[in-house]
């Protein structure tokens, strides 16, 4: 393949990647990076979503064609293994969480697919996600992900309605910001459920209070009051 994934964890992602790219999987099924974003969004979301509901979305509403029961167990096992790995990492060591982004032959990191997968997870429970979306401070943690889900060159411009300079800065920094955003979003929902935040990484995430004259946590390089704080 012309693109490689990083980082690879202990879960056998290569086997899963090969199946998702094969003719045995539906044409509209998720690929590895957007699947990882999807699993992350489900894992850190406001309420549990059963695999019986979200697995069909992985395949795009169609059925994969497995060679037999053993292959089915292997493929589904890797998907569930990655899902459990995300949960375990965020529960025990949030700073160790690393999303699966594509990297092309030129070394360019492509995080848009991951972000689209995360957005698909939000669409499964839009009302449950509403408290975060309506919390101006917490919403900052979603902005790098949402920025990657739109085409600033398309009609309507930036999906966040930022000016071109701020939007370009946010897009450039988004891949580096996403791990902290994931840990922060996870902490937001755990706090609402009365669970303690795990590890020192929570305090470092973008959930911390930002002054209007401080640099915006979205990474645009502008002051908060002239970037995300202006909305």
Protein backbone atom coordinates (compact mmCIF):
# COMPACT_ATOMS: atom_id res chain seq x y z
CA UNK A 1 0.00 0.00 0.00
CA UNK A 2 1.15 3.56 -0.60
CA UNK A 3 0.51 4.68 2.96
CA UNK A 4 1.67 3.35 6.32
CA UNK A 5 0.23 3.66 9.79
CA UNK A 6 1.89 4.83 12.95
CA UNK A 7 2.14 3.98 15.77
CA UNK A 8 1.38 0.26 15.77
CA UNK A 9 0.34 -1.12 19.13
CA UNK A 10 0.42 -4.68 20.47
CA UNK A 11 -2.93 -5.44 18.77
CA UNK A 12 -2.48 -7.14 15.39
CA UNK A 13 -3.55 -4.16 13.31
CA UNK A 14 -1.85 -5.41 10.16
CA UNK A 15 -4.23 -8.36 9.89
CA UNK A 16 -7.19 -6.04 10.34
CA UNK A 17 -5.82 -3.56 7.80
CA UNK A 18 -5.41 -6.28 5.19
CA UNK A 19 -8.97 -7.49 5.68
CA UNK A 20 -10.47 -4.00 5.53
CA UNK A 21 -8.66 -3.37 2.25
CA UNK A 22 -9.59 -6.73 0.74
CA UNK A 23 -12.53 -7.58 -1.50
CA UNK A 24 -14.03 -9.53 1.43
CA UNK A 25 -14.97 -6.30 3.19
CA UNK A 26 -17.79 -4.06 1.94
CA UNK A 27 -16.74 -1.27 -0.38
CA UNK A 28 -18.15 1.34 2.00
CA UNK A 29 -16.55 -0.08 5.16
CA UNK A 30 -14.24 1.98 7.35
CA UNK A 31 -10.49 1.79 6.90
CA UNK A 32 -8.05 1.53 9.76
CA UNK A 33 -7.57 5.21 10.60
CA UNK A 34 -11.24 6.24 10.53
CA UNK A 35 -12.09 3.02 12.40
CA UNK A 36 -9.63 4.05 15.10
CA UNK A 37 -11.27 7.47 15.41
CA UNK A 38 -14.68 5.81 15.53
CA UNK A 39 -13.62 3.40 18.28
CA UNK A 40 -12.06 6.27 20.24
CA UNK A 41 -15.25 8.33 20.04
CA UNK A 42 -17.30 5.39 21.27
CA UNK A 43 -14.84 4.54 24.04
CA UNK A 44 -14.74 8.06 25.51
CA UNK A 45 -18.34 9.03 24.77
CA UNK A 46 -21.04 10.11 27.22
CA UNK A 47 -22.79 6.75 27.39
CA UNK A 48 -22.10 3.11 26.47
CA UNK A 49 -22.85 1.97 22.93
CA UNK A 50 -23.09 -1.78 22.44
CA UNK A 51 -21.00 -3.47 19.70
CA UNK A 52 -24.22 -4.81 18.22
CA UNK A 53 -25.07 -1.19 17.35
CA UNK A 54 -21.72 0.17 16.25
CA UNK A 55 -20.24 -2.83 14.42
CA UNK A 56 -22.69 -2.51 11.48
CA UNK A 57 -21.48 1.08 11.06
CA UNK A 58 -17.91 -0.22 10.71
CA UNK A 59 -18.98 -2.24 7.68
CA UNK A 60 -21.01 0.60 6.17
CA UNK A 61 -24.31 -1.15 6.77
CA UNK A 62 -23.35 -4.19 4.68
CA UNK A 63 -22.00 -7.60 5.67
CA UNK A 64 -18.34 -8.63 5.33
CA UNK A 65 -17.57 -11.98 3.76
CA UNK A 66 -15.46 -14.08 6.10
CA UNK A 67 -13.71 -17.25 4.94
CA UNK A 68 -14.95 -18.98 8.05
CA UNK A 69 -15.57 -18.72 11.75
CA UNK A 70 -11.87 -18.49 12.58
CA UNK A 71 -11.31 -15.45 10.35
CA UNK A 72 -14.45 -13.79 11.71
CA UNK A 73 -13.21 -14.30 15.26
CA UNK A 74 -9.79 -12.95 14.35
CA UNK A 75 -11.05 -9.78 12.64
CA UNK A 76 -13.72 -8.98 15.23
CA UNK A 77 -11.22 -9.85 17.95
CA UNK A 78 -8.72 -7.27 16.67
CA UNK A 79 -11.41 -4.59 16.48
CA UNK A 80 -12.49 -5.30 20.04
CA UNK A 81 -8.86 -5.56 21.11
CA UNK A 82 -8.13 -2.06 19.85
CA UNK A 83 -11.32 -0.75 21.49
CA UNK A 84 -10.31 -2.26 24.84
CA UNK A 85 -6.75 -0.98 24.41
CA UNK A 86 -8.08 2.58 24.05
CA UNK A 87 -10.21 2.19 27.17
CA UNK A 88 -7.36 0.69 29.17
CA UNK A 89 -4.84 3.34 28.13
CA UNK A 90 -7.13 6.25 28.99
CA UNK A 91 -8.05 4.67 32.33
CA UNK A 92 -4.47 4.00 33.40
CA UNK A 93 -2.12 6.34 31.50
CA UNK A 94 -3.91 9.00 29.41
CA UNK A 95 -0.64 10.55 28.24
CA UNK A 96 0.22 7.27 26.51
CA UNK A 97 -2.81 7.39 24.21
CA UNK A 98 -1.82 7.63 20.54
CA UNK A 99 -4.31 7.74 17.65
CA UNK A 100 -3.70 5.89 14.41
CA UNK A 101 -3.08 8.46 11.70
CA UNK A 102 -2.03 7.80 8.14
CA UNK A 103 1.35 8.95 6.92
CA UNK A 104 1.90 9.20 3.16
CA UNK A 105 5.10 8.53 1.26
CA UNK A 106 6.18 12.15 1.69
CA UNK A 107 5.93 11.87 5.48
CA UNK A 108 2.79 14.00 5.67
CA UNK A 109 0.49 13.07 8.55
CA UNK A 110 -3.14 12.68 7.47
CA UNK A 111 -5.50 12.93 10.43
CA UNK A 112 -8.73 13.80 8.60
CA UNK A 113 -9.87 10.18 8.27
CA UNK A 114 -9.44 9.62 12.01
CA UNK A 115 -11.42 12.79 12.73
CA UNK A 116 -14.26 11.73 10.41
CA UNK A 117 -14.45 8.41 12.25
CA UNK A 118 -14.67 10.23 15.58
CA UNK A 119 -17.46 12.41 14.20
CA UNK A 120 -19.32 9.25 13.13
CA UNK A 121 -19.21 8.10 16.76
CA UNK A 122 -20.74 11.40 17.89
CA UNK A 123 -23.55 10.94 15.34
CA UNK A 124 -24.56 7.70 17.07
CA UNK A 125 -25.52 9.69 20.20
CA UNK A 126 -25.93 13.37 19.20
CA UNK A 127 -28.23 14.24 22.12
CA UNK A 128 -25.94 12.57 24.67
CA UNK A 129 -23.00 14.65 23.35
CA UNK A 130 -24.97 17.89 23.61
CA UNK A 131 -23.67 18.90 27.12
CA UNK A 132 -20.12 19.05 25.78
CA UNK A 133 -21.14 20.79 22.57
CA UNK A 134 -22.97 23.46 24.56
CA UNK A 135 -20.12 23.98 27.05
CA UNK A 136 -18.05 26.79 25.50
CA UNK A 137 -14.97 25.87 27.50
CA UNK A 138 -15.19 22.13 26.89
CA UNK A 139 -16.01 22.60 23.20
CA UNK A 140 -12.44 23.83 22.67
CA UNK A 141 -11.35 20.21 23.04
CA UNK A 142 -13.41 19.21 20.00
CA UNK A 143 -12.28 22.03 17.74
CA UNK A 144 -9.13 20.40 16.31
CA UNK A 145 -11.20 17.31 15.47
CA UNK A 146 -14.07 19.27 13.93
CA UNK A 147 -11.65 21.39 11.92
CA UNK A 148 -10.34 18.26 10.22
CA UNK A 149 -13.86 17.17 9.28
CA UNK A 150 -14.49 20.03 6.87
CA UNK A 151 -13.03 21.42 3.69
CA UNK A 152 -12.00 25.04 4.16
CA UNK A 153 -11.81 25.41 0.36
CA UNK A 154 -15.37 24.27 -0.15
CA UNK A 155 -18.38 26.57 -0.30
CA UNK A 156 -19.05 27.86 3.20
CA UNK A 157 -15.37 27.98 4.16
CA UNK A 158 -14.10 26.78 7.53
CA UNK A 159 -16.45 24.38 9.34
CA UNK A 160 -15.72 26.37 12.51
CA UNK A 161 -16.24 29.73 10.82
CA UNK A 162 -12.71 30.83 11.69
CA UNK A 163 -10.81 33.27 9.53
CA UNK A 164 -8.44 31.61 6.99
CA UNK A 165 -5.31 32.29 9.06
CA UNK A 166 -6.74 30.80 12.24
CA UNK A 167 -8.23 27.86 10.35
CA UNK A 168 -4.92 27.04 8.64
CA UNK A 169 -3.09 27.21 11.96
CA UNK A 170 -5.60 24.93 13.64
CA UNK A 171 -5.44 22.38 10.83
CA UNK A 172 -1.65 22.32 10.96
CA UNK A 173 -1.58 21.75 14.72
CA UNK A 174 -4.59 19.42 14.97
CA UNK A 175 -2.73 16.07 14.73
CA UNK A 176 -0.49 17.03 17.65
CA UNK A 177 -3.41 18.38 19.70
CA UNK A 178 -5.74 15.42 19.28
CA UNK A 179 -4.19 13.09 21.92
CA UNK A 180 -4.61 15.76 24.62
CA UNK A 181 -8.10 16.55 23.32
CA UNK A 182 -9.10 12.88 23.57
CA UNK A 183 -7.81 12.68 27.15
CA UNK A 184 -9.63 15.90 28.01
CA UNK A 185 -12.94 14.80 26.48
CA UNK A 186 -12.66 11.49 28.29
CA UNK A 187 -12.07 13.37 31.54
CA UNK A 188 -15.04 15.67 30.88
CA UNK A 189 -17.50 12.77 30.68
CA UNK A 190 -15.91 10.90 33.59
CA UNK A 191 -16.25 13.99 35.79
CA UNK A 192 -19.94 14.25 34.85
CA UNK A 193 -20.40 10.62 35.82
CA UNK A 194 -18.61 11.22 39.13
CA UNK A 195 -15.53 9.23 38.24
CA UNK A 196 -12.06 10.55 39.20
CA UNK A 197 -9.79 11.75 36.43
CA UNK A 198 -6.94 9.34 35.73
CA UNK A 199 -3.31 10.35 35.67
CA UNK A 200 -1.50 13.67 35.44
CA UNK A 201 -2.40 14.06 31.77
CA UNK A 202 -5.86 15.35 32.65
CA UNK A 203 -4.61 18.60 34.13
CA UNK A 204 -2.52 19.28 31.04
CA UNK A 205 -5.37 18.89 28.57
CA UNK A 206 -7.26 21.77 26.98
CA UNK A 207 -9.95 21.60 29.69
CA UNK A 208 -7.90 23.97 31.90
CA UNK A 209 -9.17 27.54 32.25
CA UNK A 210 -7.80 29.79 29.52
CA UNK A 211 -7.41 33.52 29.96
CA UNK A 212 -8.63 35.78 27.17
CA UNK A 213 -5.12 37.05 26.52
CA UNK A 214 -3.50 33.62 26.73
CA UNK A 215 -2.52 31.69 23.58
CA UNK A 216 -5.54 29.79 22.28
CA UNK A 217 -5.35 26.06 23.16
CA UNK A 218 -6.50 25.17 19.64
CA UNK A 219 -2.95 25.89 18.47
CA UNK A 220 -3.69 28.70 16.05
CA UNK A 221 -1.07 30.96 17.63
CA UNK A 222 -3.61 33.72 18.25
CA UNK A 223 -4.82 35.04 21.57
CA UNK A 224 -7.78 33.11 22.92
CA UNK A 225 -10.08 36.18 22.79
CA UNK A 226 -9.41 36.60 19.05
CA UNK A 227 -9.77 32.91 18.18
CA UNK A 228 -11.96 30.28 19.88
CA UNK A 229 -12.91 32.69 22.68
CA UNK A 230 -14.55 34.99 20.17
CA UNK A 231 -17.29 32.48 19.34
